[in-house]
Amino acid sequence: MYIVVHTTKGLKSIRITLGNFHLFHFREGKHQVQLMYGTSEKDIYKNLSSSKEDIEKFQSGMEDAWSLYGQDVICAFDLSSFNRVCDVGGDFFNDPIPEADLYILARILHNQDDEKCVALLTKLHKACKPGGGVLLVETVLNEDRSGPLAAHIYSIVMLLVLEGKERTLSEYSTLLVAAGFKDVQFKKGQHYDAVYGRK
């Protein structure tokens, strides 16, 4: 898959082509989920799960992505002390969070605004065992926002379809600390980066 970005009138109008499949437009920062799917539904996840075939495609894409970055992420920190690990997915704002030593949020926080990030991280902190932690898998922006390019492209996609954005390490640290996590650590990965905080 490739991404082509075309801009007109500065950044007020951007068209993004993902491979040969989708053509997105946005003006003034409005979400374009309805245009993308040709429905009245604004929630991208409801659109992605509108049929069994769509659900299978989405899950397959997530599994393929994990095969690209999973090894880097798992090896980024010494996680050997954690016996129970929970890869957070599903309806995590409404469903109860199972008790675990370590929670993995793989490309989840970049989908959310800051308020929702803190709410989710706080929920995880409450469920987390003492001494446990949370591992974030994201594309982290440089502090001066000079790159990487992939993070900027993901930010544009987030603007088109969700409420989130890519963040710097200091921004992720602020979210983690606000939720009660501490000792934040960071490892740059080949595909995705890892941010780790302890309870």
N, C-alpha and C. Protein backbone atom coordinates (compact mmCIF):
# COMPACT_ATOMS: atom_id res chain seq x y z
N MET A 1 0.84 -1.17 0.00
CA MET A 1 0.00 0.00 0.00
C MET A 1 0.89 1.24 0.00
N TYR A 2 0.45 2.27 -0.67
CA TYR A 2 1.18 3.51 -0.65
C TYR A 2 0.23 4.65 -0.36
N ILE A 3 0.77 5.76 0.09
CA ILE A 3 -0.03 6.93 0.41
C ILE A 3 0.48 8.10 -0.40
N VAL A 4 -0.42 8.77 -1.09
CA VAL A 4 -0.06 9.96 -1.85
C VAL A 4 -0.86 11.12 -1.29
N VAL A 5 -0.20 12.20 -0.97
CA VAL A 5 -0.87 13.37 -0.41
C VAL A 5 -0.78 14.50 -1.41
N HIS A 6 -1.92 15.11 -1.74
CA HIS A 6 -1.99 16.25 -2.64
C HIS A 6 -2.57 17.42 -1.85
N THR A 7 -1.93 18.57 -1.89
CA THR A 7 -2.47 19.71 -1.16
C THR A 7 -2.85 20.82 -2.13
N THR A 8 -3.91 21.51 -1.77
CA THR A 8 -4.30 22.72 -2.51
C THR A 8 -4.72 23.75 -1.49
N LYS A 9 -4.55 25.01 -1.81
CA LYS A 9 -4.92 26.10 -0.89
C LYS A 9 -4.27 25.90 0.49
N GLY A 10 -2.97 25.69 0.49
CA GLY A 10 -2.29 25.47 1.75
C GLY A 10 -2.69 24.13 2.32
N LEU A 11 -3.05 24.09 3.61
CA LEU A 11 -3.49 22.86 4.24
C LEU A 11 -4.99 22.83 4.44
N LYS A 12 -5.72 23.69 3.76
CA LYS A 12 -7.16 23.71 3.93
C LYS A 12 -7.85 22.62 3.12
N SER A 13 -7.19 22.11 2.12
CA SER A 13 -7.79 21.04 1.33
C SER A 13 -6.71 20.03 0.97
N ILE A 14 -6.88 18.81 1.45
CA ILE A 14 -5.90 17.76 1.18
C ILE A 14 -6.62 16.53 0.67
N ARG A 15 -6.07 15.91 -0.35
CA ARG A 15 -6.62 14.67 -0.88
C ARG A 15 -5.58 13.59 -0.64
N ILE A 16 -6.01 12.47 -0.10
CA ILE A 16 -5.09 11.38 0.18
C ILE A 16 -5.55 10.15 -0.57
N THR A 17 -4.63 9.52 -1.28
CA THR A 17 -4.91 8.28 -1.97
C THR A 17 -4.17 7.16 -1.24
N LEU A 18 -4.91 6.14 -0.79
CA LEU A 18 -4.30 4.98 -0.16
C LEU A 18 -4.31 3.85 -1.19
N GLY A 19 -3.16 3.58 -1.75
CA GLY A 19 -3.10 2.56 -2.79
C GLY A 19 -4.03 2.94 -3.93
N ASN A 20 -4.74 1.97 -4.45
CA ASN A 20 -5.71 2.23 -5.51
C ASN A 20 -7.14 2.21 -4.98
N PHE A 21 -7.29 2.22 -3.64
CA PHE A 21 -8.58 1.92 -3.07
C PHE A 21 -9.41 3.13 -2.65
N HIS A 22 -8.83 4.04 -1.90
CA HIS A 22 -9.62 5.12 -1.31
C HIS A 22 -9.10 6.47 -1.73
N LEU A 23 -9.99 7.41 -1.83
CA LEU A 23 -9.64 8.79 -2.09
C LEU A 23 -10.34 9.63 -1.03
N PHE A 24 -9.58 10.29 -0.19
CA PHE A 24 -10.16 11.06 0.90
C PHE A 24 -9.97 12.55 0.63
N HIS A 25 -10.91 13.33 1.08
CA HIS A 25 -10.79 14.78 1.02
C HIS A 25 -11.12 15.35 2.39
N PHE A 26 -10.49 16.42 2.76
CA PHE A 26 -10.98 17.15 3.93
C PHE A 26 -10.72 18.63 3.74
N ARG A 27 -11.59 19.39 4.35
CA ARG A 27 -11.48 20.84 4.35
C ARG A 27 -11.71 21.32 5.77
N GLU A 28 -10.86 22.19 6.24
CA GLU A 28 -11.02 22.78 7.56
C GLU A 28 -11.05 21.75 8.69
N GLY A 29 -10.43 20.60 8.50
CA GLY A 29 -10.28 19.64 9.59
C GLY A 29 -11.51 18.84 9.97
N LYS A 30 -12.47 18.67 9.09
CA LYS A 30 -13.66 17.89 9.41
C LYS A 30 -13.46 16.42 9.04
N HIS A 31 -14.04 15.52 9.86
CA HIS A 31 -13.94 14.10 9.58
C HIS A 31 -14.68 13.76 8.29
N GLN A 32 -14.19 12.74 7.60
CA GLN A 32 -14.76 12.37 6.32
C GLN A 32 -15.19 10.91 6.24
N VAL A 33 -15.53 10.33 7.39
CA VAL A 33 -15.91 8.92 7.43
C VAL A 33 -17.15 8.67 6.57
N GLN A 34 -18.12 9.56 6.65
CA GLN A 34 -19.36 9.36 5.88
C GLN A 34 -19.08 9.37 4.38
N LEU A 35 -18.21 10.27 3.92
CA LEU A 35 -17.85 10.32 2.51
C LEU A 35 -17.10 9.07 2.08
N MET A 36 -16.19 8.60 2.93
CA MET A 36 -15.40 7.42 2.62
C MET A 36 -16.26 6.19 2.40
N TYR A 37 -17.26 6.02 3.28
CA TYR A 37 -18.07 4.81 3.25
C TYR A 37 -19.42 4.99 2.57
N GLY A 38 -19.77 6.23 2.24
CA GLY A 38 -21.06 6.47 1.60
C GLY A 38 -22.24 6.14 2.49
N THR A 39 -22.08 6.39 3.80
CA THR A 39 -23.15 6.11 4.76
C THR A 39 -23.40 7.36 5.61
N SER A 40 -24.43 7.27 6.45
CA SER A 40 -24.70 8.36 7.39
C SER A 40 -23.98 8.13 8.72
N GLU A 41 -23.35 6.97 8.88
CA GLU A 41 -22.65 6.63 10.12
C GLU A 41 -21.32 7.37 10.20
N LYS A 42 -21.11 8.08 11.32
CA LYS A 42 -19.88 8.86 11.50
C LYS A 42 -18.75 8.05 12.16
N ASP A 43 -19.09 6.97 12.85
CA ASP A 43 -18.12 6.17 13.58
C ASP A 43 -17.42 5.20 12.62
N ILE A 44 -16.13 5.36 12.45
CA ILE A 44 -15.40 4.51 11.51
C ILE A 44 -15.43 3.05 11.91
N TYR A 45 -15.43 2.77 13.21
CA TYR A 45 -15.42 1.38 13.65
C TYR A 45 -16.75 0.69 13.36
N LYS A 46 -17.84 1.42 13.42
CA LYS A 46 -19.13 0.84 13.04
C LYS A 46 -19.15 0.56 11.54
N ASN A 47 -18.54 1.43 10.77
CA ASN A 47 -18.44 1.19 9.33
C ASN A 47 -17.53 0.00 9.02
N LEU A 48 -16.43 -0.09 9.77
CA LEU A 48 -15.49 -1.20 9.56
C LEU A 48 -16.09 -2.54 9.95
N SER A 49 -17.09 -2.52 10.82
CA SER A 49 -17.68 -3.78 11.29
C SER A 49 -19.10 -3.97 10.77
N SER A 50 -19.40 -3.38 9.61
CA SER A 50 -20.75 -3.46 9.06
C SER A 50 -21.08 -4.83 8.46
N SER A 51 -20.07 -5.64 8.21
CA SER A 51 -20.31 -6.99 7.70
C SER A 51 -19.21 -7.92 8.22
N LYS A 52 -19.48 -9.22 8.15
CA LYS A 52 -18.50 -10.20 8.59
C LYS A 52 -17.21 -10.08 7.78
N GLU A 53 -17.36 -9.83 6.47
CA GLU A 53 -16.20 -9.68 5.59
C GLU A 53 -15.35 -8.48 5.99
N ASP A 54 -16.00 -7.36 6.32
CA ASP A 54 -15.27 -6.16 6.75
C ASP A 54 -14.53 -6.40 8.06
N ILE A 55 -15.18 -7.10 8.99
CA ILE A 55 -14.54 -7.42 10.28
C ILE A 55 -13.31 -8.28 10.05
N GLU A 56 -13.43 -9.29 9.19
CA GLU A 56 -12.30 -10.18 8.90
C GLU A 56 -11.15 -9.43 8.24
N LYS A 57 -11.45 -8.50 7.33
CA LYS A 57 -10.41 -7.71 6.69
C LYS A 57 -9.68 -6.84 7.72
N PHE A 58 -10.44 -6.21 8.60
CA PHE A 58 -9.84 -5.34 9.62
C PHE A 58 -8.96 -6.16 10.56
N GLN A 59 -9.48 -7.29 11.04
CA GLN A 59 -8.70 -8.14 11.95
C GLN A 59 -7.44 -8.68 11.27
N SER A 60 -7.56 -9.04 10.01
CA SER A 60 -6.41 -9.54 9.26
C SER A 60 -5.35 -8.45 9.13
N GLY A 61 -5.79 -7.21 8.87
CA GLY A 61 -4.85 -6.10 8.78
C GLY A 61 -4.12 -5.84 10.09
N MET A 62 -4.85 -5.95 11.21
CA MET A 62 -4.24 -5.76 12.52
C MET A 62 -3.22 -6.87 12.81
N GLU A 63 -3.58 -8.09 12.46
CA GLU A 63 -2.66 -9.22 12.66
C GLU A 63 -1.41 -9.07 11.80
N ASP A 64 -1.58 -8.65 10.55
CA ASP A 64 -0.43 -8.45 9.67
C ASP A 64 0.49 -7.37 10.21
N ALA A 65 -0.11 -6.30 10.75
CA ALA A 65 0.69 -5.20 11.31
C ALA A 65 1.48 -5.70 12.51
N TRP A 66 0.86 -6.52 13.36
CA TRP A 66 1.57 -7.04 14.54
C TRP A 66 2.77 -7.87 14.12
N SER A 67 2.64 -8.59 13.01
CA SER A 67 3.77 -9.41 12.55
C SER A 67 4.94 -8.53 12.13
N LEU A 68 4.67 -7.28 11.75
CA LEU A 68 5.74 -6.35 11.37
C LEU A 68 6.47 -5.78 12.58
N TYR A 69 5.72 -5.40 13.62
CA TYR A 69 6.34 -4.69 14.73
C TYR A 69 6.34 -5.45 16.05
N GLY A 70 5.68 -6.58 16.11
CA GLY A 70 5.54 -7.30 17.38
C GLY A 70 6.86 -7.63 18.05
N GLN A 71 7.81 -8.17 17.29
CA GLN A 71 9.09 -8.58 17.87
C GLN A 71 9.85 -7.38 18.44
N ASP A 72 9.87 -6.26 17.69
CA ASP A 72 10.53 -5.05 18.18
C ASP A 72 9.94 -4.59 19.51
N VAL A 73 8.61 -4.60 19.58
CA VAL A 73 7.92 -4.09 20.76
C VAL A 73 8.15 -4.99 21.96
N ILE A 74 8.01 -6.29 21.76
CA ILE A 74 8.17 -7.23 22.87
C ILE A 74 9.59 -7.22 23.41
N CYS A 75 10.56 -6.96 22.54
CA CYS A 75 11.97 -6.95 22.96
C CYS A 75 12.45 -5.58 23.42
N ALA A 76 11.63 -4.57 23.34
CA ALA A 76 12.07 -3.21 23.68
C ALA A 76 12.41 -3.06 25.16
N PHE A 77 11.68 -3.77 26.02
CA PHE A 77 11.89 -3.69 27.47
C PHE A 77 11.90 -5.10 28.04
N ASP A 78 12.43 -5.24 29.24
CA ASP A 78 12.40 -6.53 29.92
C ASP A 78 11.01 -6.71 30.53
N LEU A 79 10.21 -7.54 29.91
CA LEU A 79 8.84 -7.79 30.36
C LEU A 79 8.71 -9.14 31.05
N SER A 80 9.84 -9.75 31.40
CA SER A 80 9.83 -11.12 31.94
C SER A 80 9.13 -11.24 33.28
N SER A 81 8.99 -10.14 34.01
CA SER A 81 8.35 -10.21 35.33
C SER A 81 6.83 -10.23 35.25
N PHE A 82 6.28 -10.02 34.06
CA PHE A 82 4.83 -9.96 33.91
C PHE A 82 4.26 -11.33 33.53
N ASN A 83 3.39 -11.85 34.38
CA ASN A 83 2.79 -13.15 34.13
C ASN A 83 1.50 -13.06 33.33
N ARG A 84 0.74 -12.00 33.54
CA ARG A 84 -0.55 -11.84 32.85
C ARG A 84 -0.53 -10.55 32.04
N VAL A 85 -0.62 -10.70 30.72
CA VAL A 85 -0.57 -9.56 29.81
C VAL A 85 -1.90 -9.45 29.08
N CYS A 86 -2.41 -8.22 28.97
CA CYS A 86 -3.68 -7.97 28.29
C CYS A 86 -3.46 -7.02 27.11
N ASP A 87 -3.74 -7.51 25.91
CA ASP A 87 -3.70 -6.68 24.70
C ASP A 87 -5.08 -6.03 24.60
N VAL A 88 -5.15 -4.74 24.87
CA VAL A 88 -6.44 -4.05 24.99
C VAL A 88 -7.03 -3.79 23.62
N GLY A 89 -8.28 -4.22 23.38
CA GLY A 89 -9.02 -3.99 22.15
C GLY A 89 -10.52 -4.13 22.47
N GLY A 90 -11.32 -4.27 21.54
CA GLY A 90 -12.77 -4.32 21.79
C GLY A 90 -13.29 -2.98 22.25
N ASP A 91 -14.45 -2.93 22.96
CA ASP A 91 -15.08 -1.70 23.43
C ASP A 91 -14.55 -1.35 24.81
N PHE A 92 -13.29 -0.87 24.88
CA PHE A 92 -12.60 -0.67 26.15
C PHE A 92 -13.15 0.48 26.99
N PHE A 93 -13.91 1.40 26.41
CA PHE A 93 -14.49 2.46 27.22
C PHE A 93 -15.71 1.98 28.00
N ASN A 94 -16.40 0.96 27.50
CA ASN A 94 -17.60 0.46 28.16
C ASN A 94 -17.41 -0.87 28.87
N ASP A 95 -16.60 -1.75 28.29
CA ASP A 95 -16.39 -3.07 28.89
C ASP A 95 -15.45 -2.98 30.09
N PRO A 96 -15.63 -3.90 31.06
CA PRO A 96 -14.69 -3.93 32.19
C PRO A 96 -13.30 -4.36 31.70
N ILE A 97 -12.28 -3.86 32.36
CA ILE A 97 -10.89 -4.20 32.03
C ILE A 97 -10.47 -5.36 32.93
N PRO A 98 -9.98 -6.46 32.35
CA PRO A 98 -9.53 -7.58 33.19
C PRO A 98 -8.25 -7.21 33.95
N GLU A 99 -8.09 -7.79 35.12
CA GLU A 99 -6.88 -7.53 35.90
C GLU A 99 -5.69 -8.17 35.21
N ALA A 100 -4.59 -7.43 35.13
CA ALA A 100 -3.38 -7.93 34.48
C ALA A 100 -2.16 -7.24 35.07
N ASP A 101 -0.99 -7.78 34.76
CA ASP A 101 0.27 -7.16 35.18
C ASP A 101 0.70 -6.09 34.19
N LEU A 102 0.40 -6.33 32.91
CA LEU A 102 0.82 -5.42 31.85
C LEU A 102 -0.31 -5.28 30.83
N TYR A 103 -0.58 -4.04 30.43
CA TYR A 103 -1.56 -3.76 29.39
C TYR A 103 -0.83 -3.22 28.17
N ILE A 104 -1.17 -3.76 27.00
CA ILE A 104 -0.59 -3.28 25.75
C ILE A 104 -1.67 -2.51 24.99
N LEU A 105 -1.35 -1.28 24.64
CA LEU A 105 -2.22 -0.45 23.80
C LEU A 105 -1.49 -0.23 22.49
N ALA A 106 -1.81 -1.06 21.51
CA ALA A 106 -1.13 -1.00 20.21
C ALA A 106 -1.91 -0.12 19.25
N ARG A 107 -1.37 1.04 18.97
CA ARG A 107 -1.96 2.02 18.04
C ARG A 107 -3.41 2.34 18.40
N ILE A 108 -3.63 2.57 19.68
CA ILE A 108 -4.97 2.92 20.18
C ILE A 108 -5.04 4.37 20.59
N LEU A 109 -4.04 4.86 21.33
CA LEU A 109 -4.13 6.24 21.83
C LEU A 109 -4.11 7.26 20.71
N HIS A 110 -3.44 6.97 19.60
CA HIS A 110 -3.42 7.95 18.51
C HIS A 110 -4.80 8.12 17.87
N ASN A 111 -5.73 7.21 18.18
CA ASN A 111 -7.10 7.33 17.68
C ASN A 111 -7.95 8.30 18.50
N GLN A 112 -7.48 8.65 19.71
CA GLN A 112 -8.31 9.35 20.69
C GLN A 112 -7.79 10.76 20.96
N ASP A 113 -8.70 11.63 21.42
CA ASP A 113 -8.26 12.94 21.89
C ASP A 113 -7.65 12.78 23.29
N ASP A 114 -7.03 13.84 23.80
CA ASP A 114 -6.32 13.75 25.08
C ASP A 114 -7.22 13.32 26.23
N GLU A 115 -8.43 13.86 26.27
CA GLU A 115 -9.36 13.54 27.36
C GLU A 115 -9.70 12.05 27.40
N LYS A 116 -9.96 11.48 26.24
CA LYS A 116 -10.27 10.05 26.18
C LYS A 116 -9.04 9.20 26.49
N CYS A 117 -7.87 9.66 26.08
CA CYS A 117 -6.63 8.94 26.40
C CYS A 117 -6.45 8.84 27.91
N VAL A 118 -6.61 9.96 28.59
CA VAL A 118 -6.45 9.96 30.05
C VAL A 118 -7.51 9.09 30.71
N ALA A 119 -8.74 9.15 30.20
CA ALA A 119 -9.81 8.31 30.76
C ALA A 119 -9.48 6.83 30.62
N LEU A 120 -9.00 6.42 29.45
CA LEU A 120 -8.65 5.01 29.23
C LEU A 120 -7.44 4.61 30.08
N LEU A 121 -6.41 5.44 30.09
CA LEU A 121 -5.22 5.12 30.88
C LEU A 121 -5.55 5.05 32.38
N THR A 122 -6.43 5.92 32.86
CA THR A 122 -6.85 5.90 34.26
C THR A 122 -7.59 4.61 34.58
N LYS A 123 -8.45 4.18 33.66
CA LYS A 123 -9.17 2.91 33.83
C LYS A 123 -8.19 1.74 33.91
N LEU A 124 -7.16 1.77 33.07
CA LEU A 124 -6.13 0.73 33.10
C LEU A 124 -5.33 0.78 34.39
N HIS A 125 -5.01 1.98 34.85
CA HIS A 125 -4.24 2.15 36.08
C HIS A 125 -4.99 1.56 37.26
N LYS A 126 -6.29 1.77 37.31
CA LYS A 126 -7.11 1.23 38.40
C LYS A 126 -7.14 -0.30 38.36
N ALA A 127 -7.19 -0.88 37.17
CA ALA A 127 -7.26 -2.33 37.02
C ALA A 127 -5.90 -3.00 37.17
N CYS A 128 -4.83 -2.24 36.96
CA CYS A 128 -3.47 -2.77 36.94
C CYS A 128 -3.01 -3.18 38.34
N LYS A 129 -2.34 -4.32 38.41
CA LYS A 129 -1.77 -4.77 39.67
C LYS A 129 -0.63 -3.85 40.09
N PRO A 130 -0.38 -3.70 41.41
CA PRO A 130 0.77 -2.89 41.85
C PRO A 130 2.07 -3.41 41.23
N GLY A 131 2.88 -2.49 40.73
CA GLY A 131 4.12 -2.86 40.06
C GLY A 131 3.92 -3.20 38.59
N GLY A 132 2.67 -3.21 38.15
CA GLY A 132 2.38 -3.51 36.76
C GLY A 132 2.63 -2.31 35.88
N GLY A 133 2.23 -2.40 34.63
CA GLY A 133 2.51 -1.30 33.73
C GLY A 133 1.65 -1.28 32.49
N VAL A 134 1.94 -0.32 31.65
CA VAL A 134 1.26 -0.18 30.37
C VAL A 134 2.32 0.05 29.30
N LEU A 135 2.14 -0.60 28.16
CA LEU A 135 3.06 -0.49 27.04
C LEU A 135 2.30 0.08 25.85
N LEU A 136 2.70 1.26 25.41
CA LEU A 136 2.08 1.92 24.27
C LEU A 136 2.89 1.62 23.02
N VAL A 137 2.20 1.28 21.95
CA VAL A 137 2.84 1.05 20.66
C VAL A 137 2.31 2.12 19.71
N GLU A 138 3.14 3.08 19.36
CA GLU A 138 2.72 4.22 18.55
C GLU A 138 3.89 4.68 17.67
N THR A 139 3.59 5.56 16.74
CA THR A 139 4.64 6.25 15.99
C THR A 139 4.82 7.60 16.67
N VAL A 140 5.93 7.76 17.37
CA VAL A 140 6.14 8.94 18.20
C VAL A 140 6.80 10.05 17.39
N LEU A 141 6.20 11.23 17.47
CA LEU A 141 6.76 12.41 16.80
C LEU A 141 8.02 12.88 17.49
N ASN A 142 8.96 13.42 16.74
CA ASN A 142 10.11 14.10 17.34
C ASN A 142 9.59 15.28 18.16
N GLU A 143 10.33 15.64 19.18
CA GLU A 143 9.89 16.74 20.06
C GLU A 143 9.71 18.05 19.29
N ASP A 144 10.54 18.27 18.28
CA ASP A 144 10.40 19.50 17.48
C ASP A 144 9.42 19.32 16.31
N ARG A 145 8.77 18.16 16.27
CA ARG A 145 7.77 17.82 15.26
C ARG A 145 8.34 17.81 13.83
N SER A 146 9.64 17.61 13.72
CA SER A 146 10.28 17.59 12.40
C SER A 146 10.07 16.27 11.67
N GLY A 147 9.52 15.30 12.33
CA GLY A 147 9.31 13.99 11.74
C GLY A 147 8.99 12.99 12.82
N PRO A 148 8.99 11.73 12.50
CA PRO A 148 9.21 11.15 11.18
C PRO A 148 8.02 11.37 10.25
N LEU A 149 8.27 11.22 8.95
CA LEU A 149 7.24 11.45 7.96
C LEU A 149 6.01 10.57 8.21
N ALA A 150 6.23 9.31 8.58
CA ALA A 150 5.11 8.40 8.82
C ALA A 150 4.17 8.95 9.89
N ALA A 151 4.73 9.57 10.92
CA ALA A 151 3.90 10.14 11.99
C ALA A 151 3.02 11.27 11.46
N HIS A 152 3.56 12.08 10.58
CA HIS A 152 2.77 13.17 9.99
C HIS A 152 1.65 12.62 9.10
N ILE A 153 1.96 11.58 8.35
CA ILE A 153 0.93 10.98 7.49
C ILE A 153 -0.17 10.36 8.35
N TYR A 154 0.21 9.64 9.42
CA TYR A 154 -0.80 9.07 10.32
C TYR A 154 -1.65 10.16 10.95
N SER A 155 -1.03 11.30 11.26
CA SER A 155 -1.80 12.41 11.85
C SER A 155 -2.87 12.90 10.89
N ILE A 156 -2.54 12.96 9.61
CA ILE A 156 -3.53 13.38 8.61
C ILE A 156 -4.66 12.36 8.54
N VAL A 157 -4.31 11.08 8.56
CA VAL A 157 -5.34 10.04 8.53
C VAL A 157 -6.23 10.13 9.77
N MET A 158 -5.62 10.35 10.95
CA MET A 158 -6.41 10.50 12.18
C MET A 158 -7.37 11.67 12.07
N LEU A 159 -6.90 12.76 11.49
CA LEU A 159 -7.75 13.93 11.30
C LEU A 159 -8.94 13.62 10.40
N LEU A 160 -8.71 12.77 9.42
CA LEU A 160 -9.78 12.42 8.48
C LEU A 160 -10.85 11.53 9.09
N VAL A 161 -10.43 10.58 9.94
CA VAL A 161 -11.38 9.54 10.33
C VAL A 161 -11.65 9.43 11.82
N LEU A 162 -10.84 10.03 12.67
CA LEU A 162 -11.01 9.87 14.11
C LEU A 162 -10.80 11.21 14.82
N GLU A 163 -10.60 11.14 16.14
CA GLU A 163 -10.43 12.35 16.94
C GLU A 163 -8.99 12.53 17.42
N GLY A 164 -8.11 11.62 17.02
CA GLY A 164 -6.78 11.60 17.58
C GLY A 164 -5.73 12.30 16.77
N LYS A 165 -4.47 12.00 17.13
CA LYS A 165 -3.31 12.60 16.48
C LYS A 165 -2.08 11.84 16.93
N GLU A 166 -1.01 11.99 16.21
CA GLU A 166 0.28 11.45 16.67
C GLU A 166 0.85 12.44 17.69
N ARG A 167 1.63 11.93 18.63
CA ARG A 167 2.12 12.76 19.72
C ARG A 167 3.62 12.59 19.91
N THR A 168 4.20 13.54 20.62
CA THR A 168 5.61 13.46 21.01
C THR A 168 5.73 12.61 22.27
N LEU A 169 6.95 12.22 22.62
CA LEU A 169 7.17 11.46 23.85
C LEU A 169 6.71 12.27 25.06
N SER A 170 6.99 13.56 25.09
CA SER A 170 6.58 14.36 26.25
C SER A 170 5.06 14.41 26.36
N GLU A 171 4.35 14.41 25.22
CA GLU A 171 2.89 14.39 25.26
C GLU A 171 2.36 13.05 25.78
N TYR A 172 2.96 11.95 25.33
CA TYR A 172 2.56 10.65 25.86
C TYR A 172 2.90 10.54 27.35
N SER A 173 4.04 11.06 27.75
CA SER A 173 4.42 11.05 29.17
C SER A 173 3.41 11.81 30.01
N THR A 174 2.97 12.96 29.52
CA THR A 174 1.97 13.76 30.23
C THR A 174 0.68 12.98 30.42
N LEU A 175 0.24 12.27 29.39
CA LEU A 175 -0.99 11.47 29.49
C LEU A 175 -0.82 10.34 30.51
N LEU A 176 0.32 9.67 30.47
CA LEU A 176 0.57 8.56 31.39
C LEU A 176 0.63 9.04 32.84
N VAL A 177 1.34 10.13 33.08
CA VAL A 177 1.47 10.68 34.43
C VAL A 177 0.11 11.16 34.95
N ALA A 178 -0.68 11.76 34.09
CA ALA A 178 -2.01 12.23 34.49
C ALA A 178 -2.90 11.08 34.94
N ALA A 179 -2.66 9.89 34.39
CA ALA A 179 -3.44 8.70 34.75
C ALA A 179 -2.86 7.96 35.96
N GLY A 180 -1.69 8.37 36.43
CA GLY A 180 -1.09 7.75 37.60
C GLY A 180 0.12 6.89 37.33
N PHE A 181 0.51 6.73 36.07
CA PHE A 181 1.70 5.94 35.76
C PHE A 181 2.96 6.78 35.95
N LYS A 182 4.10 6.10 36.16
CA LYS A 182 5.36 6.81 36.40
C LYS A 182 6.50 6.07 35.73
N ASP A 183 7.70 6.59 35.93
CA ASP A 183 8.91 5.96 35.37
C ASP A 183 8.75 5.68 33.88
N VAL A 184 8.34 6.66 33.13
CA VAL A 184 8.07 6.48 31.70
C VAL A 184 9.39 6.27 30.96
N GLN A 185 9.42 5.22 30.12
CA GLN A 185 10.60 4.90 29.32
C GLN A 185 10.20 4.85 27.84
N PHE A 186 11.19 5.00 26.98
CA PHE A 186 10.93 5.07 25.54
C PHE A 186 11.98 4.30 24.77
N LYS A 187 11.53 3.56 23.77
CA LYS A 187 12.45 2.89 22.85
C LYS A 187 11.96 3.13 21.43
N LYS A 188 12.87 3.60 20.58
CA LYS A 188 12.58 3.80 19.16
C LYS A 188 12.60 2.44 18.48
N GLY A 189 11.61 2.17 17.66
CA GLY A 189 11.54 0.90 16.95
C GLY A 189 11.76 1.09 15.46
N GLN A 190 11.87 -0.01 14.76
CA GLN A 190 12.07 0.05 13.32
C GLN A 190 10.79 0.49 12.60
N HIS A 191 9.65 -0.03 13.07
CA HIS A 191 8.37 0.32 12.46
C HIS A 191 7.53 1.20 13.37
N TYR A 192 7.43 0.81 14.65
CA TYR A 192 6.68 1.56 15.65
C TYR A 192 7.55 1.73 16.87
N ASP A 193 7.19 2.70 17.69
CA ASP A 193 7.94 2.97 18.90
C ASP A 193 7.20 2.44 20.12
N ALA A 194 7.93 2.26 21.22
CA ALA A 194 7.35 1.72 22.45
C ALA A 194 7.53 2.74 23.57
N VAL A 195 6.46 3.01 24.28
CA VAL A 195 6.47 3.89 25.46
C VAL A 195 5.92 3.06 26.62
N TYR A 196 6.65 3.05 27.73
CA TYR A 196 6.35 2.14 28.83
C TYR A 196 6.26 2.92 30.13
N GLY A 197 5.17 2.68 30.89
CA GLY A 197 5.01 3.34 32.19
C GLY A 197 4.63 2.31 33.24
N ARG A 198 5.05 2.55 34.49
CA ARG A 198 4.78 1.62 35.60
C ARG A 198 3.80 2.21 36.59
N LYS A 199 3.07 1.33 37.25
CA LYS A 199 2.16 1.76 38.32
C LYS A 199 2.96 1.86 39.61
